[in-house]
């Protein structure tokens, strides 16, 4: 440590300035400098302890931040797993017409629970962007919102989904640009998926073949895939 630094440290500790030191006689200044030099070992020891403490605190905070990150990730994963489990038995409602099939057989309390599960699944598992403010907040002033409001919100999410904000089915999104083979009685023809659209509340798939362009209702298209009359060529590679 240099003499000016030691002097500065000493003067800071004693709340003195350079003017104070300059005002001293040569003998007093000499004694002050000697005292400052004699304090070097203790100052170095203090600095070493301070640096060690600082390093320890930095490491401790780094560990705390990592634990917080892991805990937060675990909490998000747990919320997602619970949301998936809640709709595992009933399935995901992707059409407004399916709501009646899911809800009508249930008593009122179970209907509310099912609606909440569908909405929370879209929030936590699908991570669907909210189409309106606070749509995923399912309580108001500490009370659960009504069944009618839950229905309205789920319908809003489904309709927003079907407009293409998020695709809940993996099939339509993979069809765009995909080569598709359709088997016929006398052979097959190969086309390409060009569009997934909505018409009269129904999902449609357009496939362009060399000689024609065909539009399939999504349900029929999926059924033909299951029956083997339509194949996604990329799946065969």
C-alpha atoms as a PDB file:
ATOM      1  CA  UNK A   1       0.000   0.000   0.000  1.00  0.00           C
ATOM      2  CA  UNK A   2       1.446   3.410  -0.998  1.00  0.00           C
ATOM      3  CA  UNK A   3       2.133   6.133   1.549  1.00  0.00           C
ATOM      4  CA  UNK A   4      -0.556   8.494   0.133  1.00  0.00           C
ATOM      5  CA  UNK A   5      -3.101   5.689   0.310  1.00  0.00           C
ATOM      6  CA  UNK A   6      -2.146   4.844   3.871  1.00  0.00           C
ATOM      7  CA  UNK A   7      -2.350   8.490   4.825  1.00  0.00           C
ATOM      8  CA  UNK A   8      -5.690   8.818   3.111  1.00  0.00           C
ATOM      9  CA  UNK A   9      -7.003   5.723   4.879  1.00  0.00           C
ATOM     10  CA  UNK A  10      -5.786   7.043   8.210  1.00  0.00           C
ATOM     11  CA  UNK A  11      -7.308  10.470   7.622  1.00  0.00           C
ATOM     12  CA  UNK A  12     -10.610   8.974   6.534  1.00  0.00           C
ATOM     13  CA  UNK A  13     -10.693   6.878   9.686  1.00  0.00           C
ATOM     14  CA  UNK A  14     -10.027   9.992  11.749  1.00  0.00           C
ATOM     15  CA  UNK A  15     -12.158  12.248   9.566  1.00  0.00           C
ATOM     16  CA  UNK A  16      -9.208  14.460   8.640  1.00  0.00           C
ATOM     17  CA  UNK A  17      -8.173  16.091   5.356  1.00  0.00           C
ATOM     18  CA  UNK A  18      -4.973  16.990   3.551  1.00  0.00           C
ATOM     19  CA  UNK A  19      -5.361  20.509   4.854  1.00  0.00           C
ATOM     20  CA  UNK A  20      -5.343  19.103   8.354  1.00  0.00           C
ATOM     21  CA  UNK A  21      -2.143  17.163   7.640  1.00  0.00           C
ATOM     22  CA  UNK A  22      -0.488  20.182   5.999  1.00  0.00           C
ATOM     23  CA  UNK A  23      -1.299  22.284   9.024  1.00  0.00           C
ATOM     24  CA  UNK A  24       0.849  20.055  11.216  1.00  0.00           C
ATOM     25  CA  UNK A  25       4.468  20.709  11.953  1.00  0.00           C
ATOM     26  CA  UNK A  26       7.081  18.553  10.207  1.00  0.00           C
ATOM     27  CA  UNK A  27       7.570  16.542  13.389  1.00  0.00           C
ATOM     28  CA  UNK A  28       3.835  15.881  13.740  1.00  0.00           C
ATOM     29  CA  UNK A  29       3.488  14.947  10.077  1.00  0.00           C
ATOM     30  CA  UNK A  30       6.389  12.526  10.459  1.00  0.00           C
ATOM     31  CA  UNK A  31       4.796  10.885  13.485  1.00  0.00           C
ATOM     32  CA  UNK A  32       1.459  10.609  11.638  1.00  0.00           C
ATOM     33  CA  UNK A  33       3.144   8.923   8.656  1.00  0.00           C
ATOM     34  CA  UNK A  34       5.013   6.554  10.987  1.00  0.00           C
ATOM     35  CA  UNK A  35       1.729   5.660  12.662  1.00  0.00           C
ATOM     36  CA  UNK A  36       0.135   5.088   9.271  1.00  0.00           C
ATOM     37  CA  UNK A  37       2.970   2.810   8.214  1.00  0.00           C
ATOM     38  CA  UNK A  38       2.705   0.838  11.421  1.00  0.00           C
ATOM     39  CA  UNK A  39      -0.987   0.226  10.680  1.00  0.00           C
ATOM     40  CA  UNK A  40      -0.270  -1.408   7.300  1.00  0.00           C
ATOM     41  CA  UNK A  41      -0.368  -5.045   8.591  1.00  0.00           C
ATOM     42  CA  UNK A  42      -3.711  -4.530  10.318  1.00  0.00           C
ATOM     43  CA  UNK A  43      -5.140  -2.729   7.284  1.00  0.00           C
ATOM     44  CA  UNK A  44      -3.996  -5.552   5.006  1.00  0.00           C
ATOM     45  CA  UNK A  45      -5.530  -8.096   7.356  1.00  0.00           C
ATOM     46  CA  UNK A  46      -8.791  -6.147   7.355  1.00  0.00           C
ATOM     47  CA  UNK A  47      -8.750  -5.977   3.553  1.00  0.00           C
ATOM     48  CA  UNK A  48      -8.131  -9.718   3.289  1.00  0.00           C
ATOM     49  CA  UNK A  49     -11.022 -10.452   5.641  1.00  0.00           C
ATOM     50  CA  UNK A  50     -13.267  -8.034   3.762  1.00  0.00           C
ATOM     51  CA  UNK A  51     -12.429  -9.608   0.391  1.00  0.00           C
ATOM     52  CA  UNK A  52     -13.010 -13.079   1.795  1.00  0.00           C
ATOM     53  CA  UNK A  53     -16.356 -12.010   3.218  1.00  0.00           C
ATOM     54  CA  UNK A  54     -17.314 -10.365  -0.075  1.00  0.00           C
ATOM     55  CA  UNK A  55     -16.407 -13.501  -2.053  1.00  0.00           C
ATOM     56  CA  UNK A  56     -18.412 -15.610   0.363  1.00  0.00           C
ATOM     57  CA  UNK A  57     -21.441 -13.327   0.035  1.00  0.00           C
ATOM     58  CA  UNK A  58     -21.215 -13.335  -3.768  1.00  0.00           C
ATOM     59  CA  UNK A  59     -21.056 -17.137  -3.823  1.00  0.00           C
ATOM     60  CA  UNK A  60     -23.901 -17.393  -1.324  1.00  0.00           C
ATOM     61  CA  UNK A  61     -26.099 -15.088  -3.403  1.00  0.00           C
ATOM     62  CA  UNK A  62     -25.264 -17.025  -6.564  1.00  0.00           C
ATOM     63  CA  UNK A  63     -26.382 -20.248  -4.863  1.00  0.00           C
ATOM     64  CA  UNK A  64     -29.563 -18.565  -3.642  1.00  0.00           C
ATOM     65  CA  UNK A  65     -30.391 -17.309  -7.141  1.00  0.00           C
ATOM     66  CA  UNK A  66     -29.813 -20.776  -8.585  1.00  0.00           C
ATOM     67  CA  UNK A  67     -32.074 -22.341  -5.955  1.00  0.00           C
ATOM     68  CA  UNK A  68     -34.727 -19.713  -6.693  1.00  0.00           C
ATOM     69  CA  UNK A  69     -34.473 -20.447 -10.420  1.00  0.00           C
ATOM     70  CA  UNK A  70     -34.747 -24.211  -9.896  1.00  0.00           C
ATOM     71  CA  UNK A  71     -37.631 -23.783  -7.455  1.00  0.00           C
ATOM     72  CA  UNK A  72     -39.482 -21.513  -9.869  1.00  0.00           C
ATOM     73  CA  UNK A  73     -38.937 -23.934 -12.743  1.00  0.00           C
ATOM     74  CA  UNK A  74     -40.141 -26.826 -10.587  1.00  0.00           C
ATOM     75  CA  UNK A  75     -43.229 -24.848  -9.578  1.00  0.00           C
ATOM     76  CA  UNK A  76     -44.037 -24.045 -13.222  1.00  0.00           C
ATOM     77  CA  UNK A  77     -43.552 -27.693 -14.183  1.00  0.00           C
ATOM     78  CA  UNK A  78     -45.783 -28.835 -11.337  1.00  0.00           C
ATOM     79  CA  UNK A  79     -48.506 -26.373 -12.346  1.00  0.00           C
ATOM     80  CA  UNK A  80     -48.285 -27.628 -15.921  1.00  0.00           C
ATOM     81  CA  UNK A  81     -48.462 -31.272 -14.842  1.00  0.00           C
ATOM     82  CA  UNK A  82     -51.506 -30.584 -12.671  1.00  0.00           C
ATOM     83  CA  UNK A  83     -53.197 -28.760 -15.544  1.00  0.00           C
ATOM     84  CA  UNK A  84     -52.569 -31.697 -17.894  1.00  0.00           C
ATOM     85  CA  UNK A  85     -53.755 -34.216 -15.313  1.00  0.00           C
ATOM     86  CA  UNK A  86     -56.962 -32.239 -14.733  1.00  0.00           C
ATOM     87  CA  UNK A  87     -58.067 -32.653 -18.369  1.00  0.00           C
ATOM     88  CA  UNK A  88     -56.605 -36.119 -18.941  1.00  0.00           C
ATOM     89  CA  UNK A  89     -59.903 -37.955 -18.488  1.00  0.00           C
ATOM     90  CA  UNK A  90     -62.137 -35.562 -20.437  1.00  0.00           C
ATOM     91  CA  UNK A  91     -59.740 -34.424 -23.154  1.00  0.00           C
ATOM     92  CA  UNK A  92     -59.166 -30.934 -24.534  1.00  0.00           C
ATOM     93  CA  UNK A  93     -62.125 -28.942 -25.792  1.00  0.00           C
ATOM     94  CA  UNK A  94     -61.088 -27.475 -29.147  1.00  0.00           C
ATOM     95  CA  UNK A  95     -64.531 -26.680 -30.574  1.00  0.00           C
ATOM     96  CA  UNK A  96     -67.363 -24.784 -28.902  1.00  0.00           C
ATOM     97  CA  UNK A  97     -69.735 -27.583 -29.904  1.00  0.00           C
ATOM     98  CA  UNK A  98     -67.723 -29.991 -27.759  1.00  0.00           C
ATOM     99  CA  UNK A  99     -68.495 -28.037 -24.583  1.00  0.00           C
ATOM    100  CA  UNK A 100     -72.028 -29.437 -24.359  1.00  0.00           C
ATOM    101  CA  UNK A 101     -70.737 -32.999 -24.702  1.00  0.00           C
ATOM    102  CA  UNK A 102     -68.310 -32.414 -21.862  1.00  0.00           C
ATOM    103  CA  UNK A 103     -70.476 -30.348 -19.526  1.00  0.00           C
ATOM    104  CA  UNK A 104     -74.094 -31.476 -19.908  1.00  0.00           C
ATOM    105  CA  UNK A 105     -73.733 -34.813 -18.059  1.00  0.00           C
ATOM    106  CA  UNK A 106     -72.035 -33.128 -15.074  1.00  0.00           C
ATOM    107  CA  UNK A 107     -73.577 -31.616 -11.925  1.00  0.00           C
ATOM    108  CA  UNK A 108     -73.067 -27.849 -11.425  1.00  0.00           C
ATOM    109  CA  UNK A 109     -69.995 -28.097  -9.175  1.00  0.00           C
ATOM    110  CA  UNK A 110     -68.304 -30.522 -11.556  1.00  0.00           C
ATOM    111  CA  UNK A 111     -69.094 -28.265 -14.530  1.00  0.00           C
ATOM    112  CA  UNK A 112     -67.336 -25.360 -12.842  1.00  0.00           C
ATOM    113  CA  UNK A 113     -64.351 -27.571 -12.056  1.00  0.00           C
ATOM    114  CA  UNK A 114     -64.195 -28.845 -15.646  1.00  0.00           C
ATOM    115  CA  UNK A 115     -64.377 -25.325 -17.079  1.00  0.00           C
ATOM    116  CA  UNK A 116     -61.612 -24.124 -14.787  1.00  0.00           C
ATOM    117  CA  UNK A 117     -59.482 -27.120 -15.776  1.00  0.00           C
ATOM    118  CA  UNK A 118     -59.912 -26.380 -19.496  1.00  0.00           C
ATOM    119  CA  UNK A 119     -58.982 -22.718 -19.039  1.00  0.00           C
ATOM    120  CA  UNK A 120     -55.989 -23.476 -16.827  1.00  0.00           C
ATOM    121  CA  UNK A 121     -54.770 -26.090 -19.302  1.00  0.00           C
ATOM    122  CA  UNK A 122     -54.685 -23.452 -22.022  1.00  0.00           C
ATOM    123  CA  UNK A 123     -52.815 -21.078 -19.737  1.00  0.00           C
ATOM    124  CA  UNK A 124     -50.283 -23.443 -18.159  1.00  0.00           C
ATOM    125  CA  UNK A 125     -49.765 -26.263 -20.650  1.00  0.00           C
ATOM    126  CA  UNK A 126     -50.552 -24.709 -24.036  1.00  0.00           C
ATOM    127  CA  UNK A 127     -49.366 -21.265 -22.869  1.00  0.00           C
ATOM    128  CA  UNK A 128     -51.972 -19.651 -25.094  1.00  0.00           C
ATOM    129  CA  UNK A 129     -51.545 -15.860 -25.152  1.00  0.00           C
ATOM    130  CA  UNK A 130     -54.487 -14.189 -23.380  1.00  0.00           C
ATOM    131  CA  UNK A 131     -56.883 -12.666 -25.928  1.00  0.00           C
ATOM    132  CA  UNK A 132     -58.240 -10.295 -23.290  1.00  0.00           C
ATOM    133  CA  UNK A 133     -56.971  -8.797 -20.062  1.00  0.00           C
ATOM    134  CA  UNK A 134     -57.164 -11.007 -16.933  1.00  0.00           C
ATOM    135  CA  UNK A 135     -58.905 -13.830 -18.763  1.00  0.00           C
ATOM    136  CA  UNK A 136     -56.883 -16.357 -16.763  1.00  0.00           C
ATOM    137  CA  UNK A 137     -57.745 -14.781 -13.396  1.00  0.00           C
ATOM    138  CA  UNK A 138     -60.531 -17.084 -12.259  1.00  0.00           C
ATOM    139  CA  UNK A 139     -61.521 -15.297  -9.078  1.00  0.00           C
ATOM    140  CA  UNK A 140     -62.766 -11.838  -8.197  1.00  0.00           C
ATOM    141  CA  UNK A 141     -62.410 -10.302  -4.750  1.00  0.00           C
ATOM    142  CA  UNK A 142     -61.598 -13.708  -3.301  1.00  0.00           C
ATOM    143  CA  UNK A 143     -64.608 -15.448  -4.867  1.00  0.00           C
ATOM    144  CA  UNK A 144     -64.693 -17.805  -7.839  1.00  0.00           C
ATOM    145  CA  UNK A 145     -66.293 -16.394 -10.952  1.00  0.00           C
ATOM    146  CA  UNK A 146     -69.610 -17.821 -12.132  1.00  0.00           C
ATOM    147  CA  UNK A 147     -70.136 -20.772 -14.446  1.00  0.00           C
ATOM    148  CA  UNK A 148     -71.543 -18.480 -17.147  1.00  0.00           C
ATOM    149  CA  UNK A 149     -68.425 -16.312 -17.027  1.00  0.00           C
ATOM    150  CA  UNK A 150     -66.204 -19.402 -17.186  1.00  0.00           C
ATOM    151  CA  UNK A 151     -68.117 -20.580 -20.252  1.00  0.00           C
ATOM    152  CA  UNK A 152     -67.710 -17.183 -21.889  1.00  0.00           C
ATOM    153  CA  UNK A 153     -63.982 -17.167 -21.250  1.00  0.00           C
ATOM    154  CA  UNK A 154     -63.467 -20.683 -22.553  1.00  0.00           C
ATOM    155  CA  UNK A 155     -65.441 -19.849 -25.707  1.00  0.00           C
ATOM    156  CA  UNK A 156     -63.298 -16.727 -26.151  1.00  0.00           C
ATOM    157  CA  UNK A 157     -60.125 -18.801 -25.838  1.00  0.00           C
ATOM    158  CA  UNK A 158     -61.386 -21.452 -28.260  1.00  0.00           C
ATOM    159  CA  UNK A 159     -62.428 -18.886 -30.852  1.00  0.00           C
ATOM    160  CA  UNK A 160     -59.123 -17.073 -30.477  1.00  0.00           C
ATOM    161  CA  UNK A 161     -57.365 -20.412 -30.868  1.00  0.00           C
ATOM    162  CA  UNK A 162     -59.263 -21.193 -34.050  1.00  0.00           C
ATOM    163  CA  UNK A 163     -58.322 -17.833 -35.537  1.00  0.00           C
ATOM    164  CA  UNK A 164     -54.762 -19.094 -35.520  1.00  0.00           C
ATOM    165  CA  UNK A 165     -53.289 -17.432 -32.416  1.00  0.00           C
ATOM    166  CA  UNK A 166     -52.330 -20.898 -31.224  1.00  0.00           C
ATOM    167  CA  UNK A 167     -53.032 -24.313 -32.720  1.00  0.00           C
ATOM    168  CA  UNK A 168     -54.115 -26.870 -30.164  1.00  0.00           C
ATOM    169  CA  UNK A 169     -53.865 -29.747 -32.615  1.00  0.00           C
ATOM    170  CA  UNK A 170     -50.409 -30.701 -33.818  1.00  0.00           C
ATOM    171  CA  UNK A 171     -51.703 -32.037 -37.139  1.00  0.00           C
ATOM    172  CA  UNK A 172     -52.890 -28.855 -38.917  1.00  0.00           C
ATOM    173  CA  UNK A 173     -49.702 -26.917 -38.230  1.00  0.00           C
ATOM    174  CA  UNK A 174     -47.583 -29.731 -39.666  1.00  0.00           C
ATOM    175  CA  UNK A 175     -49.633 -30.017 -42.860  1.00  0.00           C
ATOM    176  CA  UNK A 176     -48.553 -26.734 -44.411  1.00  0.00           C
ATOM    177  CA  UNK A 177     -45.909 -27.612 -46.994  1.00  0.00           C
ATOM    178  CA  UNK A 178     -46.138 -31.324 -46.202  1.00  0.00           C
ATOM    179  CA  UNK A 179     -46.253 -33.873 -49.049  1.00  0.00           C
ATOM    180  CA  UNK A 180     -49.393 -35.998 -48.798  1.00  0.00           C
ATOM    181  CA  UNK A 181     -50.177 -39.250 -50.589  1.00  0.00           C
ATOM    182  CA  UNK A 182     -53.806 -40.241 -51.182  1.00  0.00           C
ATOM    183  CA  UNK A 183     -54.448 -43.820 -52.166  1.00  0.00           C
ATOM    184  CA  UNK A 184     -57.081 -44.477 -54.835  1.00  0.00           C
ATOM    185  CA  UNK A 185     -58.602 -47.656 -56.232  1.00  0.00           C
ATOM    186  CA  UNK A 186     -56.211 -47.649 -59.208  1.00  0.00           C
ATOM    187  CA  UNK A 187     -53.114 -46.162 -57.599  1.00  0.00           C
ATOM    188  CA  UNK A 188     -52.223 -43.030 -55.686  1.00  0.00           C
ATOM    189  CA  UNK A 189     -51.582 -39.337 -56.144  1.00  0.00           C
ATOM    190  CA  UNK A 190     -49.237 -37.062 -54.260  1.00  0.00           C
ATOM    191  CA  UNK A 191     -50.098 -33.510 -53.301  1.00  0.00           C
ATOM    192  CA  UNK A 192     -49.038 -30.885 -50.821  1.00  0.00           C
ATOM    193  CA  UNK A 193     -50.860 -29.327 -47.891  1.00  0.00           C
ATOM    194  CA  UNK A 194     -51.304 -25.663 -48.703  1.00  0.00           C
ATOM    195  CA  UNK A 195     -53.793 -24.247 -46.215  1.00  0.00           C
ATOM    196  CA  UNK A 196     -55.667 -24.865 -42.971  1.00  0.00           C
ATOM    197  CA  UNK A 197     -58.762 -22.689 -42.796  1.00  0.00           C
ATOM    198  CA  UNK A 198     -62.027 -22.160 -40.961  1.00  0.00           C
ATOM    199  CA  UNK A 199     -65.438 -22.092 -42.597  1.00  0.00           C
ATOM    200  CA  UNK A 200     -68.801 -22.085 -40.833  1.00  0.00           C
ATOM    201  CA  UNK A 201     -67.113 -23.019 -37.567  1.00  0.00           C
ATOM    202  CA  UNK A 202     -65.376 -26.037 -39.108  1.00  0.00           C
ATOM    203  CA  UNK A 203     -61.648 -26.677 -39.588  1.00  0.00           C
ATOM    204  CA  UNK A 204     -60.719 -27.499 -43.193  1.00  0.00           C
ATOM    205  CA  UNK A 205     -57.519 -28.732 -44.827  1.00  0.00           C
ATOM    206  CA  UNK A 206     -56.686 -27.841 -48.432  1.00  0.00           C
ATOM    207  CA  UNK A 207     -54.411 -30.216 -50.349  1.00  0.00           C
ATOM    208  CA  UNK A 208     -53.184 -29.318 -53.835  1.00  0.00           C
ATOM    209  CA  UNK A 209     -52.682 -32.303 -56.149  1.00  0.00           C
ATOM    210  CA  UNK A 210     -51.246 -32.039 -59.690  1.00  0.00           C
ATOM    211  CA  UNK A 211     -54.673 -32.252 -61.315  1.00  0.00           C
ATOM    212  CA  UNK A 212     -56.921 -30.743 -58.658  1.00  0.00           C
ATOM    213  CA  UNK A 213     -57.161 -29.079 -55.268  1.00  0.00           C
ATOM    214  CA  UNK A 214     -59.220 -30.845 -52.597  1.00  0.00           C
ATOM    215  CA  UNK A 215     -60.585 -29.498 -49.313  1.00  0.00           C
ATOM    216  CA  UNK A 216     -61.106 -31.977 -46.466  1.00  0.00           C
ATOM    217  CA  UNK A 217     -62.911 -31.385 -43.176  1.00  0.00           C
ATOM    218  CA  UNK A 218     -60.245 -31.886 -40.540  1.00  0.00           C
ATOM    219  CA  UNK A 219     -62.157 -34.727 -38.882  1.00  0.00           C
ATOM    220  CA  UNK A 220     -62.474 -36.598 -42.192  1.00  0.00           C
ATOM    221  CA  UNK A 221     -58.821 -35.974 -42.966  1.00  0.00           C
ATOM    222  CA  UNK A 222     -57.731 -37.420 -39.615  1.00  0.00           C
ATOM    223  CA  UNK A 223     -60.011 -40.424 -40.112  1.00  0.00           C
ATOM    224  CA  UNK A 224     -58.533 -41.153 -43.539  1.00  0.00           C
ATOM    225  CA  UNK A 225     -55.052 -41.006 -42.017  1.00  0.00           C
ATOM    226  CA  UNK A 226     -56.099 -43.528 -39.378  1.00  0.00           C
ATOM    227  CA  UNK A 227     -57.623 -45.775 -42.052  1.00  0.00           C
ATOM    228  CA  UNK A 228     -54.479 -45.554 -44.193  1.00  0.00           C
ATOM    229  CA  UNK A 229     -56.057 -43.980 -47.266  1.00  0.00           C
ATOM    230  CA  UNK A 230     -54.007 -40.818 -46.690  1.00  0.00           C
ATOM    231  CA  UNK A 231     -50.343 -40.797 -45.682  1.00  0.00           C
ATOM    232  CA  UNK A 232     -48.060 -37.971 -44.676  1.00  0.00           C
ATOM    233  CA  UNK A 233     -44.981 -38.736 -46.736  1.00  0.00           C
ATOM    234  CA  UNK A 234     -42.573 -37.065 -44.310  1.00  0.00           C
ATOM    235  CA  UNK A 235     -43.686 -39.581 -41.672  1.00  0.00           C
ATOM    236  CA  UNK A 236     -42.492 -42.421 -43.902  1.00  0.00           C
ATOM    237  CA  UNK A 237     -38.922 -41.157 -44.308  1.00  0.00           C
END
